[in-house]
Amino acid sequence: MSTNETTNQSSVYGKTMRAFDQFHAGQTVYLEEKECSIIAEYERSIAIEFVDFPFPEETERFPHARTVVKKEKVQIIEH
């Protein structure tokens, strides 16, 4: 892994990722069109909590109110 100190980016397996400043606790993101709130940020993943949990028709797909997902799986919608 290489790090560029001036841009605060790191390169892992040829992918450039921002290091720990892309997300913040309480930020709203979307996973599969479901609104979520960030709980914590890790190197390559984030812990999220679904805002409108539970989803009665999708209990098998979304069995828990909180989960950890890779950062690239969520969408950030800026207003």
PDB file of N, CA and C in Angstrom:
ATOM      1  N   MET A   1       0.848  -1.174   0.000  1.00  0.00           N
ATOM      2  CA  MET A   1       0.000   0.000   0.000  1.00  0.00           C
ATOM      3  C   MET A   1       0.886   1.225   0.000  1.00  0.00           C
ATOM      4  N   SER A   2       0.583   2.175  -0.875  1.00  0.00           N
ATOM      5  CA  SER A   2       1.334   3.419  -0.905  1.00  0.00           C
ATOM      6  C   SER A   2       0.423   4.561  -0.492  1.00  0.00           C
ATOM      7  N   THR A   3       1.011   5.567   0.148  1.00  0.00           N
ATOM      8  CA  THR A   3       0.227   6.699   0.616  1.00  0.00           C
ATOM      9  C   THR A   3       0.798   7.989   0.069  1.00  0.00           C
ATOM     10  N   ASN A   4      -0.058   8.842  -0.417  1.00  0.00           N
ATOM     11  CA  ASN A   4       0.323  10.157  -0.895  1.00  0.00           C
ATOM     12  C   ASN A   4      -0.071  11.154   0.186  1.00  0.00           C
ATOM     13  N   GLU A   5       0.914  11.684   0.913  1.00  0.00           N
ATOM     14  CA  GLU A   5       0.649  12.542   2.061  1.00  0.00           C
ATOM     15  C   GLU A   5      -0.058  13.842   1.687  1.00  0.00           C
ATOM     16  N   THR A   6       0.197  14.386   0.501  1.00  0.00           N
ATOM     17  CA  THR A   6      -0.390  15.679   0.148  1.00  0.00           C
ATOM     18  C   THR A   6      -1.871  15.586  -0.174  1.00  0.00           C
ATOM     19  N   THR A   7      -2.342  14.455  -0.665  1.00  0.00           N
ATOM     20  CA  THR A   7      -3.758  14.321  -1.007  1.00  0.00           C
ATOM     21  C   THR A   7      -4.520  13.421  -0.046  1.00  0.00           C
ATOM     22  N   ASN A   8      -3.833  12.830   0.926  1.00  0.00           N
ATOM     23  CA  ASN A   8      -4.447  11.932   1.899  1.00  0.00           C
ATOM     24  C   ASN A   8      -5.167  10.779   1.207  1.00  0.00           C
ATOM     25  N   GLN A   9      -4.543  10.226   0.167  1.00  0.00           N
ATOM     26  CA  GLN A   9      -5.098   9.084  -0.542  1.00  0.00           C
ATOM     27  C   GLN A   9      -4.138   7.917  -0.438  1.00  0.00           C
ATOM     28  N   SER A  10      -4.669   6.724  -0.518  1.00  0.00           N
ATOM     29  CA  SER A  10      -3.829   5.538  -0.519  1.00  0.00           C
ATOM     30  C   SER A  10      -4.204   4.671  -1.707  1.00  0.00           C
ATOM     31  N   SER A  11      -3.247   3.888  -2.166  1.00  0.00           N
ATOM     32  CA  SER A  11      -3.478   3.008  -3.297  1.00  0.00           C
ATOM     33  C   SER A  11      -3.362   1.572  -2.816  1.00  0.00           C
ATOM     34  N   VAL A  12      -4.443   0.824  -2.940  1.00  0.00           N
ATOM     35  CA  VAL A  12      -4.474  -0.572  -2.533  1.00  0.00           C
ATOM     36  C   VAL A  12      -4.912  -1.387  -3.738  1.00  0.00           C
ATOM     37  N   TYR A  13      -4.079  -2.311  -4.167  1.00  0.00           N
ATOM     38  CA  TYR A  13      -4.391  -3.163  -5.310  1.00  0.00           C
ATOM     39  C   TYR A  13      -4.773  -2.342  -6.541  1.00  0.00           C
ATOM     40  N   GLY A  14      -4.106  -1.208  -6.729  1.00  0.00           N
ATOM     41  CA  GLY A  14      -4.358  -0.383  -7.898  1.00  0.00           C
ATOM     42  C   GLY A  14      -5.556   0.536  -7.790  1.00  0.00           C
ATOM     43  N   LYS A  15      -6.290   0.478  -6.677  1.00  0.00           N
ATOM     44  CA  LYS A  15      -7.438   1.360  -6.478  1.00  0.00           C
ATOM     45  C   LYS A  15      -7.023   2.506  -5.563  1.00  0.00           C
ATOM     46  N   THR A  16      -7.451   3.703  -5.892  1.00  0.00           N
ATOM     47  CA  THR A  16      -7.161   4.848  -5.043  1.00  0.00           C
ATOM     48  C   THR A  16      -8.358   5.098  -4.142  1.00  0.00           C
ATOM     49  N   MET A  17      -8.093   5.171  -2.827  1.00  0.00           N
ATOM     50  CA  MET A  17      -9.158   5.400  -1.858  1.00  0.00           C
ATOM     51  C   MET A  17      -8.763   6.550  -0.943  1.00  0.00           C
ATOM     52  N   ARG A  18      -9.732   7.350  -0.548  1.00  0.00           N
ATOM     53  CA  ARG A  18      -9.472   8.371   0.446  1.00  0.00           C
ATOM     54  C   ARG A  18      -9.435   7.694   1.801  1.00  0.00           C
ATOM     55  N   ALA A  19      -8.535   8.123   2.642  1.00  0.00           N
ATOM     56  CA  ALA A  19      -8.328   7.457   3.920  1.00  0.00           C
ATOM     57  C   ALA A  19      -9.078   8.145   5.053  1.00  0.00           C
ATOM     58  N   PHE A  20     -10.125   7.526   5.531  1.00  0.00           N
ATOM     59  CA  PHE A  20     -10.833   7.912   6.749  1.00  0.00           C
ATOM     60  C   PHE A  20     -11.364   9.334   6.790  1.00  0.00           C
ATOM     61  N   ASP A  21     -11.602   9.972   5.671  1.00  0.00           N
ATOM     62  CA  ASP A  21     -12.233  11.284   5.729  1.00  0.00           C
ATOM     63  C   ASP A  21     -13.381  11.394   4.736  1.00  0.00           C
ATOM     64  N   GLN A  22     -13.761  10.289   4.169  1.00  0.00           N
ATOM     65  CA  GLN A  22     -14.842  10.286   3.192  1.00  0.00           C
ATOM     66  C   GLN A  22     -16.206  10.295   3.886  1.00  0.00           C
ATOM     67  N   PHE A  23     -16.295   9.687   5.040  1.00  0.00           N
ATOM     68  CA  PHE A  23     -17.552   9.553   5.766  1.00  0.00           C
ATOM     69  C   PHE A  23     -17.392  10.085   7.184  1.00  0.00           C
ATOM     70  N   HIS A  24     -18.519  10.418   7.819  1.00  0.00           N
ATOM     71  CA  HIS A  24     -18.485  10.828   9.222  1.00  0.00           C
ATOM     72  C   HIS A  24     -19.740  10.305   9.916  1.00  0.00           C
ATOM     73  N   ALA A  25     -19.642  10.107  11.213  1.00  0.00           N
ATOM     74  CA  ALA A  25     -20.762   9.581  11.987  1.00  0.00           C
ATOM     75  C   ALA A  25     -21.975  10.492  11.846  1.00  0.00           C
ATOM     76  N   GLY A  26     -23.121   9.883  11.616  1.00  0.00           N
ATOM     77  CA  GLY A  26     -24.355  10.626  11.460  1.00  0.00           C
ATOM     78  C   GLY A  26     -24.684  11.017  10.029  1.00  0.00           C
ATOM     79  N   GLN A  27     -23.740  10.829   9.132  1.00  0.00           N
ATOM     80  CA  GLN A  27     -23.951  11.174   7.722  1.00  0.00           C
ATOM     81  C   GLN A  27     -25.001  10.246   7.115  1.00  0.00           C
ATOM     82  N   THR A  28     -25.829  10.778   6.222  1.00  0.00           N
ATOM     83  CA  THR A  28     -26.850   9.988   5.536  1.00  0.00           C
ATOM     84  C   THR A  28     -26.287   9.444   4.229  1.00  0.00           C
ATOM     85  N   VAL A  29     -26.432   8.137   4.038  1.00  0.00           N
ATOM     86  CA  VAL A  29     -26.045   7.472   2.796  1.00  0.00           C
ATOM     87  C   VAL A  29     -27.180   6.523   2.419  1.00  0.00           C
ATOM     88  N   TYR A  30     -27.084   5.931   1.236  1.00  0.00           N
ATOM     89  CA  TYR A  30     -28.118   5.012   0.765  1.00  0.00           C
ATOM     90  C   TYR A  30     -27.497   3.691   0.346  1.00  0.00           C
ATOM     91  N   LEU A  31     -28.107   2.597   0.788  1.00  0.00           N
ATOM     92  CA  LEU A  31     -27.711   1.250   0.393  1.00  0.00           C
ATOM     93  C   LEU A  31     -28.930   0.618  -0.260  1.00  0.00           C
ATOM     94  N   GLU A  32     -28.812   0.314  -1.546  1.00  0.00           N
ATOM     95  CA  GLU A  32     -29.930  -0.265  -2.296  1.00  0.00           C
ATOM     96  C   GLU A  32     -31.208   0.559  -2.113  1.00  0.00           C
ATOM     97  N   GLU A  33     -31.074   1.868  -2.250  1.00  0.00           N
ATOM     98  CA  GLU A  33     -32.173   2.830  -2.161  1.00  0.00           C
ATOM     99  C   GLU A  33     -32.797   2.933  -0.775  1.00  0.00           C
ATOM    100  N   LYS A  34     -32.143   2.394   0.231  1.00  0.00           N
ATOM    101  CA  LYS A  34     -32.629   2.494   1.605  1.00  0.00           C
ATOM    102  C   LYS A  34     -31.756   3.494   2.360  1.00  0.00           C
ATOM    103  N   GLU A  35     -32.407   4.439   3.031  1.00  0.00           N
ATOM    104  CA  GLU A  35     -31.685   5.477   3.758  1.00  0.00           C
ATOM    105  C   GLU A  35     -31.014   4.892   4.996  1.00  0.00           C
ATOM    106  N   CYS A  36     -29.747   5.273   5.187  1.00  0.00           N
ATOM    107  CA  CYS A  36     -28.953   4.770   6.305  1.00  0.00           C
ATOM    108  C   CYS A  36     -28.197   5.915   6.960  1.00  0.00           C
ATOM    109  N   SER A  37     -27.793   5.690   8.183  1.00  0.00           N
ATOM    110  CA  SER A  37     -26.966   6.642   8.909  1.00  0.00           C
ATOM    111  C   SER A  37     -25.637   5.962   9.235  1.00  0.00           C
ATOM    112  N   ILE A  38     -24.533   6.682   9.042  1.00  0.00           N
ATOM    113  CA  ILE A  38     -23.207   6.132   9.335  1.00  0.00           C
ATOM    114  C   ILE A  38     -23.021   6.050  10.843  1.00  0.00           C
ATOM    115  N   ILE A  39     -22.566   4.903  11.319  1.00  0.00           N
ATOM    116  CA  ILE A  39     -22.242   4.723  12.730  1.00  0.00           C
ATOM    117  C   ILE A  39     -20.739   4.875  12.938  1.00  0.00           C
ATOM    118  N   ALA A  40     -19.954   4.236  12.055  1.00  0.00           N
ATOM    119  CA  ALA A  40     -18.493   4.278  12.176  1.00  0.00           C
ATOM    120  C   ALA A  40     -17.859   4.030  10.819  1.00  0.00           C
ATOM    121  N   GLU A  41     -16.641   4.521  10.661  1.00  0.00           N
ATOM    122  CA  GLU A  41     -15.886   4.321   9.427  1.00  0.00           C
ATOM    123  C   GLU A  41     -14.627   3.529   9.738  1.00  0.00           C
ATOM    124  N   TYR A  42     -14.343   2.572   8.886  1.00  0.00           N
ATOM    125  CA  TYR A  42     -13.136   1.768   8.986  1.00  0.00           C
ATOM    126  C   TYR A  42     -12.329   1.962   7.711  1.00  0.00           C
ATOM    127  N   GLU A  43     -11.238   1.255   7.562  1.00  0.00           N
ATOM    128  CA  GLU A  43     -10.373   1.472   6.401  1.00  0.00           C
ATOM    129  C   GLU A  43     -11.096   1.253   5.080  1.00  0.00           C
ATOM    130  N   ARG A  44     -11.766   0.137   4.921  1.00  0.00           N
ATOM    131  CA  ARG A  44     -12.432  -0.185   3.654  1.00  0.00           C
ATOM    132  C   ARG A  44     -13.938  -0.362   3.785  1.00  0.00           C
ATOM    133  N   SER A  45     -14.465  -0.187   4.984  1.00  0.00           N
ATOM    134  CA  SER A  45     -15.889  -0.419   5.192  1.00  0.00           C
ATOM    135  C   SER A  45     -16.467   0.617   6.151  1.00  0.00           C
ATOM    136  N   ILE A  46     -17.795   0.601   6.254  1.00  0.00           N
ATOM    137  CA  ILE A  46     -18.497   1.476   7.183  1.00  0.00           C
ATOM    138  C   ILE A  46     -19.584   0.686   7.894  1.00  0.00           C
ATOM    139  N   ALA A  47     -19.871   1.069   9.126  1.00  0.00           N
ATOM    140  CA  ALA A  47     -20.994   0.510   9.867  1.00  0.00           C
ATOM    141  C   ALA A  47     -22.168   1.455   9.670  1.00  0.00           C
ATOM    142  N   ILE A  48     -23.313   0.899   9.289  1.00  0.00           N
ATOM    143  CA  ILE A  48     -24.490   1.720   9.014  1.00  0.00           C
ATOM    144  C   ILE A  48     -25.698   1.199   9.783  1.00  0.00           C
ATOM    145  N   GLU A  49     -26.671   2.089   9.955  1.00  0.00           N
ATOM    146  CA  GLU A  49     -27.944   1.722  10.562  1.00  0.00           C
ATOM    147  C   GLU A  49     -29.048   2.195   9.627  1.00  0.00           C
ATOM    148  N   PHE A  50     -29.973   1.306   9.307  1.00  0.00           N
ATOM    149  CA  PHE A  50     -31.090   1.661   8.431  1.00  0.00           C
ATOM    150  C   PHE A  50     -32.048   2.588   9.177  1.00  0.00           C
ATOM    151  N   VAL A  51     -32.461   3.664   8.530  1.00  0.00           N
ATOM    152  CA  VAL A  51     -33.321   4.665   9.161  1.00  0.00           C
ATOM    153  C   VAL A  51     -34.741   4.142   9.353  1.00  0.00           C
ATOM    154  N   ASP A  52     -35.333   3.525   8.348  1.00  0.00           N
ATOM    155  CA  ASP A  52     -36.727   3.076   8.406  1.00  0.00           C
ATOM    156  C   ASP A  52     -36.873   1.580   8.668  1.00  0.00           C
ATOM    157  N   PHE A  53     -35.942   0.985   9.384  1.00  0.00           N
ATOM    158  CA  PHE A  53     -35.983  -0.440   9.686  1.00  0.00           C
ATOM    159  C   PHE A  53     -37.138  -0.712  10.638  1.00  0.00           C
ATOM    160  N   PRO A  54     -37.855  -1.830  10.544  1.00  0.00           N
ATOM    161  CA  PRO A  54     -37.680  -2.985   9.666  1.00  0.00           C
ATOM    162  C   PRO A  54     -38.387  -2.793   8.322  1.00  0.00           C
ATOM    163  N   PHE A  55     -38.043  -3.682   7.395  1.00  0.00           N
ATOM    164  CA  PHE A  55     -38.645  -3.699   6.068  1.00  0.00           C
ATOM    165  C   PHE A  55     -39.442  -4.999   5.956  1.00  0.00           C
ATOM    166  N   PRO A  56     -40.739  -4.972   6.239  1.00  0.00           N
ATOM    167  CA  PRO A  56     -41.550  -6.190   6.339  1.00  0.00           C
ATOM    168  C   PRO A  56     -41.461  -7.135   5.144  1.00  0.00           C
ATOM    169  N   GLU A  57     -41.401  -6.611   3.936  1.00  0.00           N
ATOM    170  CA  GLU A  57     -41.362  -7.474   2.753  1.00  0.00           C
ATOM    171  C   GLU A  57     -39.955  -7.993   2.457  1.00  0.00           C
ATOM    172  N   GLU A  58     -38.953  -7.503   3.163  1.00  0.00           N
ATOM    173  CA  GLU A  58     -37.571  -7.875   2.862  1.00  0.00           C
ATOM    174  C   GLU A  58     -36.803  -8.333   4.104  1.00  0.00           C
ATOM    175  N   THR A  59     -37.453  -9.096   4.963  1.00  0.00           N
ATOM    176  CA  THR A  59     -36.806  -9.515   6.206  1.00  0.00           C
ATOM    177  C   THR A  59     -35.622 -10.448   5.983  1.00  0.00           C
ATOM    178  N   GLU A  60     -35.661 -11.256   4.938  1.00  0.00           N
ATOM    179  CA  GLU A  60     -34.524 -12.137   4.659  1.00  0.00           C
ATOM    180  C   GLU A  60     -33.336 -11.358   4.114  1.00  0.00           C
ATOM    181  N   ARG A  61     -33.607 -10.375   3.292  1.00  0.00           N
ATOM    182  CA  ARG A  61     -32.536  -9.579   2.678  1.00  0.00           C
ATOM    183  C   ARG A  61     -31.924  -8.596   3.679  1.00  0.00           C
ATOM    184  N   PHE A  62     -32.746  -8.022   4.547  1.00  0.00           N
ATOM    185  CA  PHE A  62     -32.296  -7.054   5.545  1.00  0.00           C
ATOM    186  C   PHE A  62     -32.766  -7.514   6.931  1.00  0.00           C
ATOM    187  N   PRO A  63     -32.107  -8.516   7.522  1.00  0.00           N
ATOM    188  CA  PRO A  63     -32.576  -9.063   8.795  1.00  0.00           C
ATOM    189  C   PRO A  63     -32.217  -8.225  10.023  1.00  0.00           C
ATOM    190  N   HIS A  64     -31.246  -7.314   9.890  1.00  0.00           N
ATOM    191  CA  HIS A  64     -30.780  -6.543  11.043  1.00  0.00           C
ATOM    192  C   HIS A  64     -30.827  -5.047  10.762  1.00  0.00           C
ATOM    193  N   ALA A  65     -31.008  -4.263  11.812  1.00  0.00           N
ATOM    194  CA  ALA A  65     -31.066  -2.803  11.669  1.00  0.00           C
ATOM    195  C   ALA A  65     -29.693  -2.209  11.384  1.00  0.00           C
ATOM    196  N   ARG A  66     -28.640  -2.891  11.823  1.00  0.00           N
ATOM    197  CA  ARG A  66     -27.272  -2.407  11.615  1.00  0.00           C
ATOM    198  C   ARG A  66     -26.457  -3.452  10.862  1.00  0.00           C
ATOM    199  N   THR A  67     -25.533  -2.956  10.039  1.00  0.00           N
ATOM    200  CA  THR A  67     -24.663  -3.858   9.285  1.00  0.00           C
ATOM    201  C   THR A  67     -23.376  -3.142   8.910  1.00  0.00           C
ATOM    202  N   VAL A  68     -22.413  -3.896   8.435  1.00  0.00           N
ATOM    203  CA  VAL A  68     -21.150  -3.343   7.943  1.00  0.00           C
ATOM    204  C   VAL A  68     -21.051  -3.674   6.461  1.00  0.00           C
ATOM    205  N   VAL A  69     -20.748  -2.669   5.649  1.00  0.00           N
ATOM    206  CA  VAL A  69     -20.648  -2.853   4.199  1.00  0.00           C
ATOM    207  C   VAL A  69     -19.394  -2.168   3.682  1.00  0.00           C
ATOM    208  N   LYS A  70     -18.950  -2.595   2.501  1.00  0.00           N
ATOM    209  CA  LYS A  70     -17.825  -1.925   1.854  1.00  0.00           C
ATOM    210  C   LYS A  70     -18.248  -0.517   1.457  1.00  0.00           C
ATOM    211  N   LYS A  71     -17.305   0.406   1.526  1.00  0.00           N
ATOM    212  CA  LYS A  71     -17.605   1.811   1.236  1.00  0.00           C
ATOM    213  C   LYS A  71     -18.193   2.018  -0.148  1.00  0.00           C
ATOM    214  N   GLU A  72     -17.711   1.271  -1.128  1.00  0.00           N
ATOM    215  CA  GLU A  72     -18.191   1.480  -2.500  1.00  0.00           C
ATOM    216  C   GLU A  72     -19.622   0.986  -2.720  1.00  0.00           C
ATOM    217  N   LYS A  73     -20.216   0.298  -1.751  1.00  0.00           N
ATOM    218  CA  LYS A  73     -21.586  -0.211  -1.890  1.00  0.00           C
ATOM    219  C   LYS A  73     -22.646   0.849  -1.611  1.00  0.00           C
ATOM    220  N   VAL A  74     -22.283   1.944  -0.942  1.00  0.00           N
ATOM    221  CA  VAL A  74     -23.273   2.966  -0.603  1.00  0.00           C
ATOM    222  C   VAL A  74     -23.185   4.156  -1.548  1.00  0.00           C
ATOM    223  N   GLN A  75     -24.293   4.874  -1.640  1.00  0.00           N
ATOM    224  CA  GLN A  75     -24.345   6.084  -2.453  1.00  0.00           C
ATOM    225  C   GLN A  75     -24.473   7.285  -1.524  1.00  0.00           C
ATOM    226  N   ILE A  76     -23.723   8.327  -1.855  1.00  0.00           N
ATOM    227  CA  ILE A  76     -23.814   9.590  -1.129  1.00  0.00           C
ATOM    228  C   ILE A  76     -24.588  10.545  -2.024  1.00  0.00           C
ATOM    229  N   ILE A  77     -25.697  11.043  -1.529  1.00  0.00           N
ATOM    230  CA  ILE A  77     -26.491  11.994  -2.298  1.00  0.00           C
ATOM    231  C   ILE A  77     -26.335  13.350  -1.627  1.00  0.00           C
ATOM    232  N   GLU A  78     -25.691  14.254  -2.335  1.00  0.00           N
ATOM    233  CA  GLU A  78     -25.444  15.585  -1.784  1.00  0.00           C
ATOM    234  C   GLU A  78     -26.551  16.517  -2.226  1.00  0.00           C
ATOM    235  N   HIS A  79     -27.015  17.316  -1.304  1.00  0.00           N
ATOM    236  CA  HIS A  79     -28.128  18.235  -1.581  1.00  0.00           C
ATOM    237  C   HIS A  79     -27.610  19.590  -1.935  1.00  0.00           C
TER     238      HIS A  79
END
